[in-house]
Amino acid sequence: MCGGGGRDKARRDAERQQREADKQARERQAELDRIADERKKIVAQQEQTLSQMQTDADAILASNMATVKDLEDKQATRIQGIRDQAAADVSRISGDATNRANAIRDAADREAAGIADKASKTVAATKLAGGAASSSLRAMAEKQPKVNAAQQTQRGARAGGSRTTQAQVQRGSGSRGRGPNLSI
């Protein structure tokens, strides 16, 4: 009897197990490579989206600033026109109508102040809306922080013994009458 067959069988089993482990390792590595490629694609897509959002935010901000400037110019021209008209009215009305001219000037100044106030409110609202939209787009464009995974807490061991409830037994149905009704 040789006794060498057992060693060969053990060697063959070990080689077979090694081949199986190598195969599993290759499969796992292929899966990990596939996942890494997917993540790279996702990151590239997110970076492209981020870049586009930033470009859109900058374009909206520029558009809003141009609108604000245009509104400010129009309001300044309108106010100057009103003041010029008031000055023309004052110079036309002279002599006896000094009181009337002063009243017209005061009314024009009040109107100009009202228009200026309205214009400043419109400009402020436009700036606020533009800034809010721009900052909202910037916030959306920022990389989002990773959130930790949820963890489940373990419940402690419950004390032994039977579980009981305490109930109060009352007679009746809530009135002063007598009867066999029992409610718990």
N, C-alpha and C. Protein backbone atom coordinates (compact mmCIF):
# COMPACT_ATOMS: atom_id res chain seq x y z
N MET A 1 0.83 -1.18 0.00
CA MET A 1 0.00 0.00 0.00
C MET A 1 0.87 1.25 0.00
N CYS A 2 0.50 2.10 -0.89
CA CYS A 2 1.31 3.30 -1.09
C CYS A 2 0.96 4.39 -0.09
N GLY A 3 -0.27 4.71 -0.03
CA GLY A 3 -0.70 5.81 0.85
C GLY A 3 -0.52 7.16 0.20
N GLY A 4 -0.10 7.22 -1.04
CA GLY A 4 0.10 8.51 -1.72
C GLY A 4 -1.18 9.06 -2.31
N GLY A 5 -2.21 8.22 -2.49
CA GLY A 5 -3.45 8.67 -3.11
C GLY A 5 -4.17 9.70 -2.28
N GLY A 6 -4.06 9.60 -0.99
CA GLY A 6 -4.73 10.55 -0.11
C GLY A 6 -4.13 11.94 -0.23
N ARG A 7 -2.78 11.99 -0.39
CA ARG A 7 -2.11 13.28 -0.55
C ARG A 7 -2.49 13.93 -1.88
N ASP A 8 -2.56 13.12 -2.94
CA ASP A 8 -2.94 13.68 -4.25
C ASP A 8 -4.37 14.20 -4.22
N LYS A 9 -5.23 13.46 -3.57
CA LYS A 9 -6.63 13.91 -3.47
C LYS A 9 -6.71 15.20 -2.68
N ALA A 10 -5.98 15.32 -1.60
CA ALA A 10 -5.99 16.54 -0.79
C ALA A 10 -5.44 17.71 -1.60
N ARG A 11 -4.35 17.42 -2.38
CA ARG A 11 -3.77 18.48 -3.21
C ARG A 11 -4.77 18.92 -4.27
N ARG A 12 -5.44 17.95 -4.94
CA ARG A 12 -6.42 18.28 -5.96
C ARG A 12 -7.59 19.07 -5.37
N ASP A 13 -8.05 18.67 -4.17
CA ASP A 13 -9.13 19.39 -3.49
C ASP A 13 -8.71 20.83 -3.18
N ALA A 14 -7.48 20.97 -2.71
CA ALA A 14 -6.97 22.31 -2.38
C ALA A 14 -6.86 23.16 -3.63
N GLU A 15 -6.39 22.55 -4.75
CA GLU A 15 -6.29 23.30 -6.00
C GLU A 15 -7.67 23.69 -6.51
N ARG A 16 -8.63 22.75 -6.41
CA ARG A 16 -10.00 23.03 -6.84
C ARG A 16 -10.60 24.17 -6.00
N GLN A 17 -10.38 24.12 -4.69
CA GLN A 17 -10.90 25.18 -3.83
C GLN A 17 -10.23 26.53 -4.16
N GLN A 18 -8.93 26.47 -4.48
CA GLN A 18 -8.23 27.71 -4.83
C GLN A 18 -8.78 28.28 -6.15
N ARG A 19 -9.03 27.39 -7.13
CA ARG A 19 -9.60 27.86 -8.41
C ARG A 19 -10.98 28.49 -8.17
N GLU A 20 -11.76 27.84 -7.31
CA GLU A 20 -13.10 28.36 -6.99
C GLU A 20 -12.99 29.73 -6.32
N ALA A 21 -12.06 29.87 -5.38
CA ALA A 21 -11.86 31.15 -4.68
C ALA A 21 -11.37 32.21 -5.66
N ASP A 22 -10.47 31.82 -6.58
CA ASP A 22 -9.98 32.77 -7.59
C ASP A 22 -11.12 33.23 -8.49
N LYS A 23 -11.97 32.30 -8.88
CA LYS A 23 -13.11 32.63 -9.74
C LYS A 23 -14.04 33.62 -9.01
N GLN A 24 -14.34 33.34 -7.75
CA GLN A 24 -15.21 34.23 -6.97
C GLN A 24 -14.56 35.61 -6.83
N ALA A 25 -13.25 35.64 -6.61
CA ALA A 25 -12.55 36.92 -6.47
C ALA A 25 -12.62 37.72 -7.76
N ARG A 26 -12.44 37.03 -8.92
CA ARG A 26 -12.56 37.72 -10.22
C ARG A 26 -13.96 38.27 -10.42
N GLU A 27 -14.97 37.47 -10.05
CA GLU A 27 -16.37 37.92 -10.21
C GLU A 27 -16.64 39.14 -9.30
N ARG A 28 -16.16 39.08 -8.08
CA ARG A 28 -16.36 40.21 -7.16
C ARG A 28 -15.64 41.46 -7.66
N GLN A 29 -14.41 41.25 -8.18
CA GLN A 29 -13.65 42.40 -8.70
C GLN A 29 -14.36 43.00 -9.91
N ALA A 30 -14.90 42.15 -10.77
CA ALA A 30 -15.65 42.64 -11.94
C ALA A 30 -16.87 43.44 -11.49
N GLU A 31 -17.56 42.97 -10.47
CA GLU A 31 -18.73 43.70 -9.94
C GLU A 31 -18.30 45.03 -9.34
N LEU A 32 -17.20 45.03 -8.59
CA LEU A 32 -16.69 46.27 -8.00
C LEU A 32 -16.27 47.25 -9.09
N ASP A 33 -15.65 46.75 -10.15
CA ASP A 33 -15.26 47.62 -11.27
C ASP A 33 -16.50 48.22 -11.94
N ARG A 34 -17.54 47.40 -12.11
CA ARG A 34 -18.78 47.89 -12.72
C ARG A 34 -19.41 48.99 -11.84
N ILE A 35 -19.43 48.76 -10.53
CA ILE A 35 -20.00 49.76 -9.61
C ILE A 35 -19.17 51.04 -9.65
N ALA A 36 -17.84 50.91 -9.69
CA ALA A 36 -16.98 52.10 -9.75
C ALA A 36 -17.24 52.87 -11.04
N ASP A 37 -17.41 52.16 -12.16
CA ASP A 37 -17.71 52.84 -13.43
C ASP A 37 -19.05 53.58 -13.34
N GLU A 38 -20.06 52.94 -12.74
CA GLU A 38 -21.37 53.60 -12.59
C GLU A 38 -21.23 54.87 -11.75
N ARG A 39 -20.47 54.77 -10.68
CA ARG A 39 -20.29 55.94 -9.81
C ARG A 39 -19.58 57.07 -10.55
N LYS A 40 -18.58 56.71 -11.35
CA LYS A 40 -17.88 57.74 -12.13
C LYS A 40 -18.85 58.43 -13.10
N LYS A 41 -19.71 57.63 -13.73
CA LYS A 41 -20.69 58.20 -14.65
C LYS A 41 -21.65 59.13 -13.91
N ILE A 42 -22.11 58.71 -12.75
CA ILE A 42 -23.04 59.53 -11.95
C ILE A 42 -22.36 60.83 -11.53
N VAL A 43 -21.12 60.73 -11.08
CA VAL A 43 -20.38 61.94 -10.65
C VAL A 43 -20.21 62.89 -11.82
N ALA A 44 -19.88 62.36 -12.99
CA ALA A 44 -19.71 63.21 -14.17
C ALA A 44 -21.03 63.89 -14.53
N GLN A 45 -22.11 63.13 -14.44
CA GLN A 45 -23.43 63.69 -14.76
C GLN A 45 -23.81 64.77 -13.74
N GLN A 46 -23.53 64.53 -12.47
CA GLN A 46 -23.85 65.52 -11.45
C GLN A 46 -23.01 66.77 -11.62
N GLU A 47 -21.74 66.60 -11.98
CA GLU A 47 -20.89 67.77 -12.20
C GLU A 47 -21.38 68.58 -13.40
N GLN A 48 -21.84 67.89 -14.44
CA GLN A 48 -22.38 68.59 -15.61
C GLN A 48 -23.66 69.34 -15.21
N THR A 49 -24.52 68.71 -14.45
CA THR A 49 -25.75 69.35 -13.98
C THR A 49 -25.43 70.55 -13.10
N LEU A 50 -24.44 70.40 -12.24
CA LEU A 50 -24.02 71.49 -11.37
C LEU A 50 -23.52 72.66 -12.20
N SER A 51 -22.72 72.37 -13.19
CA SER A 51 -22.20 73.42 -14.06
C SER A 51 -23.33 74.13 -14.80
N GLN A 52 -24.28 73.37 -15.30
CA GLN A 52 -25.42 73.96 -16.02
C GLN A 52 -26.26 74.82 -15.08
N MET A 53 -26.48 74.36 -13.85
CA MET A 53 -27.26 75.13 -12.89
C MET A 53 -26.55 76.45 -12.55
N GLN A 54 -25.23 76.38 -12.42
CA GLN A 54 -24.47 77.59 -12.12
C GLN A 54 -24.57 78.57 -13.28
N THR A 55 -24.47 78.06 -14.50
CA THR A 55 -24.59 78.92 -15.69
C THR A 55 -25.98 79.54 -15.74
N ASP A 56 -27.02 78.74 -15.47
CA ASP A 56 -28.39 79.26 -15.47
C ASP A 56 -28.57 80.32 -14.40
N ALA A 57 -28.01 80.07 -13.21
CA ALA A 57 -28.13 81.03 -12.11
C ALA A 57 -27.46 82.35 -12.47
N ASP A 58 -26.28 82.27 -13.11
CA ASP A 58 -25.58 83.49 -13.51
C ASP A 58 -26.36 84.24 -14.58
N ALA A 59 -26.97 83.51 -15.51
CA ALA A 59 -27.75 84.15 -16.56
C ALA A 59 -28.99 84.83 -15.98
N ILE A 60 -29.65 84.19 -15.04
CA ILE A 60 -30.84 84.78 -14.41
C ILE A 60 -30.45 86.02 -13.62
N LEU A 61 -29.33 85.95 -12.90
CA LEU A 61 -28.89 87.10 -12.13
C LEU A 61 -28.57 88.27 -13.06
N ALA A 62 -27.88 88.00 -14.16
CA ALA A 62 -27.54 89.06 -15.11
C ALA A 62 -28.81 89.66 -15.71
N SER A 63 -29.76 88.82 -16.04
CA SER A 63 -31.03 89.30 -16.60
C SER A 63 -31.78 90.16 -15.58
N ASN A 64 -31.80 89.72 -14.36
CA ASN A 64 -32.50 90.48 -13.31
C ASN A 64 -31.81 91.83 -13.07
N MET A 65 -30.49 91.82 -13.09
CA MET A 65 -29.78 93.08 -12.87
C MET A 65 -30.04 94.05 -14.03
N ALA A 66 -30.11 93.53 -15.26
CA ALA A 66 -30.41 94.38 -16.42
C ALA A 66 -31.83 94.94 -16.30
N THR A 67 -32.76 94.14 -15.85
CA THR A 67 -34.15 94.60 -15.66
C THR A 67 -34.20 95.69 -14.59
N VAL A 68 -33.47 95.48 -13.51
CA VAL A 68 -33.44 96.49 -12.43
C VAL A 68 -32.88 97.80 -12.96
N LYS A 69 -31.79 97.73 -13.70
CA LYS A 69 -31.17 98.94 -14.25
C LYS A 69 -32.14 99.64 -15.20
N ASP A 70 -32.82 98.87 -16.05
CA ASP A 70 -33.79 99.45 -16.99
C ASP A 70 -34.92 100.13 -16.24
N LEU A 71 -35.44 99.49 -15.20
CA LEU A 71 -36.52 100.09 -14.40
C LEU A 71 -36.05 101.37 -13.72
N GLU A 72 -34.84 101.35 -13.18
CA GLU A 72 -34.32 102.54 -12.52
C GLU A 72 -34.20 103.70 -13.51
N ASP A 73 -33.70 103.40 -14.73
CA ASP A 73 -33.56 104.45 -15.74
C ASP A 73 -34.92 105.00 -16.16
N LYS A 74 -35.89 104.13 -16.38
CA LYS A 74 -37.23 104.58 -16.77
C LYS A 74 -37.87 105.45 -15.69
N GLN A 75 -37.71 105.03 -14.45
CA GLN A 75 -38.31 105.80 -13.35
C GLN A 75 -37.63 107.15 -13.21
N ALA A 76 -36.29 107.18 -13.36
CA ALA A 76 -35.58 108.46 -13.26
C ALA A 76 -36.03 109.40 -14.38
N THR A 77 -36.20 108.88 -15.58
CA THR A 77 -36.66 109.70 -16.71
C THR A 77 -38.08 110.20 -16.44
N ARG A 78 -38.92 109.33 -15.94
CA ARG A 78 -40.31 109.71 -15.66
C ARG A 78 -40.37 110.79 -14.57
N ILE A 79 -39.59 110.60 -13.53
CA ILE A 79 -39.58 111.59 -12.44
C ILE A 79 -39.05 112.93 -12.95
N GLN A 80 -38.00 112.90 -13.76
CA GLN A 80 -37.46 114.15 -14.31
C GLN A 80 -38.48 114.82 -15.21
N GLY A 81 -39.21 114.03 -15.99
CA GLY A 81 -40.26 114.59 -16.84
C GLY A 81 -41.35 115.26 -16.01
N ILE A 82 -41.72 114.65 -14.92
CA ILE A 82 -42.74 115.24 -14.04
C ILE A 82 -42.21 116.53 -13.43
N ARG A 83 -40.97 116.53 -12.99
CA ARG A 83 -40.39 117.75 -12.41
C ARG A 83 -40.28 118.86 -13.46
N ASP A 84 -39.87 118.47 -14.68
CA ASP A 84 -39.78 119.47 -15.75
C ASP A 84 -41.15 120.06 -16.06
N GLN A 85 -42.16 119.20 -16.10
CA GLN A 85 -43.52 119.67 -16.36
C GLN A 85 -43.99 120.60 -15.25
N ALA A 86 -43.68 120.22 -14.00
CA ALA A 86 -44.08 121.08 -12.88
C ALA A 86 -43.37 122.43 -12.97
N ALA A 87 -42.09 122.43 -13.32
CA ALA A 87 -41.34 123.68 -13.45
C ALA A 87 -41.93 124.55 -14.57
N ALA A 88 -42.33 123.91 -15.69
CA ALA A 88 -42.96 124.65 -16.79
C ALA A 88 -44.28 125.24 -16.35
N ASP A 89 -45.04 124.47 -15.60
CA ASP A 89 -46.33 124.98 -15.11
C ASP A 89 -46.12 126.16 -14.16
N VAL A 90 -45.10 126.08 -13.33
CA VAL A 90 -44.83 127.16 -12.37
C VAL A 90 -44.43 128.43 -13.11
N SER A 91 -43.55 128.27 -14.13
CA SER A 91 -43.10 129.48 -14.84
C SER A 91 -44.23 130.10 -15.67
N ARG A 92 -45.16 129.30 -16.18
CA ARG A 92 -46.29 129.79 -16.95
C ARG A 92 -47.27 130.55 -16.06
N ILE A 93 -47.43 130.03 -14.86
CA ILE A 93 -48.37 130.68 -13.94
C ILE A 93 -47.55 131.65 -13.09
N SER A 94 -47.70 132.90 -13.30
CA SER A 94 -46.91 133.86 -12.55
C SER A 94 -47.81 134.95 -11.97
N GLY A 95 -47.14 135.85 -11.28
CA GLY A 95 -47.85 137.02 -10.74
C GLY A 95 -48.85 136.65 -9.68
N ASP A 96 -50.15 136.88 -9.99
CA ASP A 96 -51.25 136.67 -9.04
C ASP A 96 -51.35 135.22 -8.59
N ALA A 97 -50.87 134.29 -9.42
CA ALA A 97 -51.11 132.87 -9.15
C ALA A 97 -49.93 132.22 -8.43
N THR A 98 -49.18 132.95 -7.65
CA THR A 98 -48.04 132.39 -6.94
C THR A 98 -48.49 131.27 -5.99
N ASN A 99 -49.58 131.49 -5.31
CA ASN A 99 -50.09 130.45 -4.39
C ASN A 99 -50.48 129.19 -5.16
N ARG A 100 -51.10 129.44 -6.31
CA ARG A 100 -51.50 128.28 -7.12
C ARG A 100 -50.25 127.55 -7.63
N ALA A 101 -49.24 128.26 -8.03
CA ALA A 101 -48.00 127.64 -8.51
C ALA A 101 -47.34 126.82 -7.41
N ASN A 102 -47.33 127.36 -6.20
CA ASN A 102 -46.75 126.62 -5.07
C ASN A 102 -47.53 125.33 -4.81
N ALA A 103 -48.83 125.41 -4.93
CA ALA A 103 -49.66 124.21 -4.71
C ALA A 103 -49.36 123.17 -5.77
N ILE A 104 -49.19 123.62 -7.01
CA ILE A 104 -48.88 122.67 -8.09
C ILE A 104 -47.51 122.04 -7.86
N ARG A 105 -46.53 122.82 -7.45
CA ARG A 105 -45.18 122.30 -7.19
C ARG A 105 -45.23 121.27 -6.06
N ASP A 106 -45.97 121.59 -5.00
CA ASP A 106 -46.07 120.65 -3.88
C ASP A 106 -46.73 119.34 -4.33
N ALA A 107 -47.79 119.47 -5.12
CA ALA A 107 -48.48 118.26 -5.60
C ALA A 107 -47.54 117.44 -6.49
N ALA A 108 -46.79 118.13 -7.35
CA ALA A 108 -45.85 117.42 -8.23
C ALA A 108 -44.77 116.73 -7.41
N ASP A 109 -44.26 117.39 -6.39
CA ASP A 109 -43.24 116.78 -5.53
C ASP A 109 -43.79 115.56 -4.80
N ARG A 110 -45.04 115.68 -4.33
CA ARG A 110 -45.65 114.53 -3.65
C ARG A 110 -45.83 113.36 -4.63
N GLU A 111 -46.27 113.71 -5.84
CA GLU A 111 -46.45 112.67 -6.85
C GLU A 111 -45.09 112.04 -7.21
N ALA A 112 -44.08 112.90 -7.38
CA ALA A 112 -42.74 112.39 -7.70
C ALA A 112 -42.22 111.52 -6.56
N ALA A 113 -42.46 111.94 -5.33
CA ALA A 113 -42.02 111.13 -4.18
C ALA A 113 -42.77 109.80 -4.16
N GLY A 114 -44.06 109.84 -4.47
CA GLY A 114 -44.84 108.60 -4.52
C GLY A 114 -44.33 107.68 -5.61
N ILE A 115 -44.05 108.25 -6.78
CA ILE A 115 -43.53 107.45 -7.89
C ILE A 115 -42.14 106.91 -7.54
N ALA A 116 -41.32 107.75 -6.94
CA ALA A 116 -39.98 107.30 -6.55
C ALA A 116 -40.08 106.18 -5.52
N ASP A 117 -41.01 106.32 -4.59
CA ASP A 117 -41.21 105.28 -3.57
C ASP A 117 -41.69 103.98 -4.23
N LYS A 118 -42.66 104.14 -5.15
CA LYS A 118 -43.17 102.96 -5.85
C LYS A 118 -42.06 102.32 -6.68
N ALA A 119 -41.27 103.15 -7.34
CA ALA A 119 -40.17 102.64 -8.16
C ALA A 119 -39.15 101.91 -7.30
N SER A 120 -38.82 102.50 -6.15
CA SER A 120 -37.83 101.85 -5.29
C SER A 120 -38.38 100.52 -4.75
N LYS A 121 -39.68 100.47 -4.49
CA LYS A 121 -40.27 99.21 -4.03
C LYS A 121 -40.25 98.18 -5.15
N THR A 122 -40.56 98.63 -6.38
CA THR A 122 -40.53 97.71 -7.52
C THR A 122 -39.11 97.20 -7.76
N VAL A 123 -38.15 98.09 -7.69
CA VAL A 123 -36.75 97.71 -7.90
C VAL A 123 -36.32 96.76 -6.78
N ALA A 124 -36.67 97.06 -5.55
CA ALA A 124 -36.29 96.21 -4.43
C ALA A 124 -36.92 94.83 -4.56
N ALA A 125 -38.20 94.79 -4.97
CA ALA A 125 -38.87 93.50 -5.14
C ALA A 125 -38.21 92.70 -6.25
N THR A 126 -37.85 93.37 -7.33
CA THR A 126 -37.18 92.69 -8.45
C THR A 126 -35.82 92.17 -8.01
N LYS A 127 -35.06 93.00 -7.29
CA LYS A 127 -33.75 92.55 -6.79
C LYS A 127 -33.92 91.36 -5.85
N LEU A 128 -34.92 91.44 -4.97
CA LEU A 128 -35.16 90.37 -4.00
C LEU A 128 -35.53 89.08 -4.73
N ALA A 129 -36.42 89.18 -5.70
CA ALA A 129 -36.83 87.99 -6.45
C ALA A 129 -35.65 87.42 -7.22
N GLY A 130 -34.88 88.29 -7.84
CA GLY A 130 -33.71 87.82 -8.60
C GLY A 130 -32.67 87.20 -7.69
N GLY A 131 -32.43 87.84 -6.56
CA GLY A 131 -31.46 87.28 -5.62
C GLY A 131 -31.93 85.96 -5.05
N ALA A 132 -33.24 85.86 -4.76
CA ALA A 132 -33.76 84.61 -4.22
C ALA A 132 -33.65 83.49 -5.25
N ALA A 133 -34.00 83.80 -6.49
CA ALA A 133 -33.90 82.77 -7.54
C ALA A 133 -32.44 82.38 -7.74
N SER A 134 -31.56 83.36 -7.75
CA SER A 134 -30.14 83.08 -7.97
C SER A 134 -29.58 82.24 -6.83
N SER A 135 -29.87 82.64 -5.59
CA SER A 135 -29.33 81.89 -4.46
C SER A 135 -29.96 80.50 -4.36
N SER A 136 -31.22 80.39 -4.76
CA SER A 136 -31.86 79.08 -4.78
C SER A 136 -31.18 78.16 -5.78
N LEU A 137 -30.89 78.70 -6.97
CA LEU A 137 -30.20 77.89 -7.98
C LEU A 137 -28.78 77.55 -7.53
N ARG A 138 -28.10 78.51 -6.88
CA ARG A 138 -26.76 78.22 -6.38
C ARG A 138 -26.81 77.12 -5.32
N ALA A 139 -27.80 77.21 -4.42
CA ALA A 139 -27.93 76.21 -3.36
C ALA A 139 -28.21 74.84 -3.96
N MET A 140 -29.05 74.81 -5.01
CA MET A 140 -29.33 73.54 -5.65
C MET A 140 -28.11 73.01 -6.38
N ALA A 141 -27.25 73.93 -6.82
CA ALA A 141 -26.08 73.52 -7.59
C ALA A 141 -24.95 73.03 -6.69
N GLU A 142 -24.99 73.37 -5.41
CA GLU A 142 -23.92 72.94 -4.51
C GLU A 142 -23.98 71.43 -4.30
N LYS A 143 -22.81 70.86 -4.07
CA LYS A 143 -22.76 69.42 -3.81
C LYS A 143 -23.47 69.14 -2.50
N GLN A 144 -24.29 68.14 -2.51
CA GLN A 144 -25.07 67.80 -1.33
C GLN A 144 -24.21 66.93 -0.39
N PRO A 145 -24.24 67.21 0.91
CA PRO A 145 -23.46 66.39 1.84
C PRO A 145 -24.06 64.99 1.95
N LYS A 146 -23.19 64.04 2.23
CA LYS A 146 -23.68 62.68 2.39
C LYS A 146 -24.33 62.56 3.77
N VAL A 147 -25.38 61.79 3.83
CA VAL A 147 -26.11 61.58 5.07
C VAL A 147 -25.70 60.22 5.63
N ASN A 148 -25.47 60.18 6.92
CA ASN A 148 -25.14 58.91 7.54
C ASN A 148 -26.33 57.97 7.45
N ALA A 149 -26.04 56.69 7.33
CA ALA A 149 -27.11 55.70 7.26
C ALA A 149 -27.80 55.62 8.62
N ALA A 150 -29.08 55.28 8.59
CA ALA A 150 -29.84 55.16 9.83
C ALA A 150 -29.36 53.94 10.61
N GLN A 151 -29.39 54.07 11.91
CA GLN A 151 -28.99 52.95 12.76
C GLN A 151 -30.16 52.58 13.64
N GLN A 152 -30.33 51.31 13.82
CA GLN A 152 -31.44 50.84 14.64
C GLN A 152 -30.93 50.57 16.04
N THR A 153 -31.66 51.09 17.02
CA THR A 153 -31.23 50.87 18.40
C THR A 153 -31.79 49.54 18.88
N GLN A 154 -31.03 48.92 19.75
CA GLN A 154 -31.43 47.61 20.29
C GLN A 154 -32.33 47.84 21.51
N ARG A 155 -33.34 47.06 21.61
CA ARG A 155 -34.20 47.15 22.80
C ARG A 155 -33.57 46.36 23.94
N GLY A 156 -33.70 46.87 25.10
CA GLY A 156 -33.16 46.16 26.26
C GLY A 156 -34.02 44.95 26.60
N ALA A 157 -33.49 44.10 27.41
CA ALA A 157 -34.23 42.90 27.80
C ALA A 157 -35.40 43.32 28.70
N ARG A 158 -36.52 42.69 28.49
CA ARG A 158 -37.69 43.01 29.31
C ARG A 158 -37.65 42.18 30.60
N ALA A 159 -38.19 42.75 31.61
CA ALA A 159 -38.22 42.06 32.88
C ALA A 159 -39.17 40.85 32.79
N GLY A 160 -38.86 39.84 33.52
CA GLY A 160 -39.71 38.64 33.50
C GLY A 160 -41.02 38.88 34.24
N GLY A 161 -41.87 37.93 34.20
CA GLY A 161 -43.14 38.03 34.91
C GLY A 161 -44.28 38.23 33.94
N SER A 162 -45.46 38.08 34.43
CA SER A 162 -46.64 38.20 33.56
C SER A 162 -46.96 39.67 33.31
N ARG A 163 -47.60 39.91 32.18
CA ARG A 163 -48.02 41.26 31.82
C ARG A 163 -49.48 41.42 32.25
N THR A 164 -49.72 42.44 33.04
CA THR A 164 -51.10 42.65 33.50
C THR A 164 -51.47 44.10 33.26
N THR A 165 -52.73 44.34 33.23
CA THR A 165 -53.21 45.72 33.14
C THR A 165 -54.07 45.98 34.36
N GLN A 166 -54.21 47.21 34.68
CA GLN A 166 -55.06 47.57 35.80
C GLN A 166 -56.33 48.16 35.22
N ALA A 167 -57.44 47.58 35.49
CA ALA A 167 -58.70 48.09 34.99
C ALA A 167 -59.60 48.40 36.19
N GLN A 168 -60.41 49.38 36.01
CA GLN A 168 -61.31 49.75 37.08
C GLN A 168 -62.69 49.26 36.68
N VAL A 169 -63.31 48.55 37.52
CA VAL A 169 -64.63 48.00 37.21
C VAL A 169 -65.65 48.95 37.83
N GLN A 170 -66.62 49.36 37.00
CA GLN A 170 -67.67 50.26 37.47
C GLN A 170 -69.02 49.64 37.14
N ARG A 171 -69.95 49.97 37.94
CA ARG A 171 -71.30 49.49 37.68
C ARG A 171 -72.09 50.58 37.02
N GLY A 172 -72.92 50.20 36.09
CA GLY A 172 -73.82 51.17 35.49
C GLY A 172 -73.28 51.68 34.17
N SER A 173 -74.09 52.52 33.56
CA SER A 173 -73.70 53.05 32.25
C SER A 173 -73.40 54.53 32.35
N GLY A 174 -72.99 54.97 33.47
CA GLY A 174 -72.64 56.37 33.63
C GLY A 174 -73.72 57.16 34.35
N SER A 175 -74.90 56.59 34.53
CA SER A 175 -75.96 57.31 35.25
C SER A 175 -76.04 56.76 36.67
N ARG A 176 -76.89 57.36 37.46
CA ARG A 176 -77.01 56.94 38.87
C ARG A 176 -77.89 55.71 39.04
N GLY A 177 -78.45 55.23 37.97
CA GLY A 177 -79.35 54.08 38.07
C GLY A 177 -78.62 52.81 38.43
N ARG A 178 -79.39 51.82 38.78
CA ARG A 178 -78.79 50.53 39.13
C ARG A 178 -78.95 49.59 37.95
N GLY A 179 -78.12 48.63 37.94
CA GLY A 179 -78.26 47.67 36.87
C GLY A 179 -77.07 46.73 36.83
N PRO A 180 -77.19 45.69 36.10
CA PRO A 180 -76.11 44.72 36.02
C PRO A 180 -75.01 45.11 35.05
N ASN A 181 -75.14 46.28 34.39
CA ASN A 181 -74.12 46.65 33.39
C ASN A 181 -72.77 46.86 34.07
N LEU A 182 -71.78 46.19 33.59
CA LEU A 182 -70.42 46.39 34.07
C LEU A 182 -69.62 46.95 32.93
N SER A 183 -68.91 48.00 33.20
CA SER A 183 -68.03 48.53 32.15
C SER A 183 -66.62 48.62 32.69
N ILE A 184 -65.71 48.30 31.83
CA ILE A 184 -64.29 48.30 32.24
C ILE A 184 -63.59 49.42 31.54
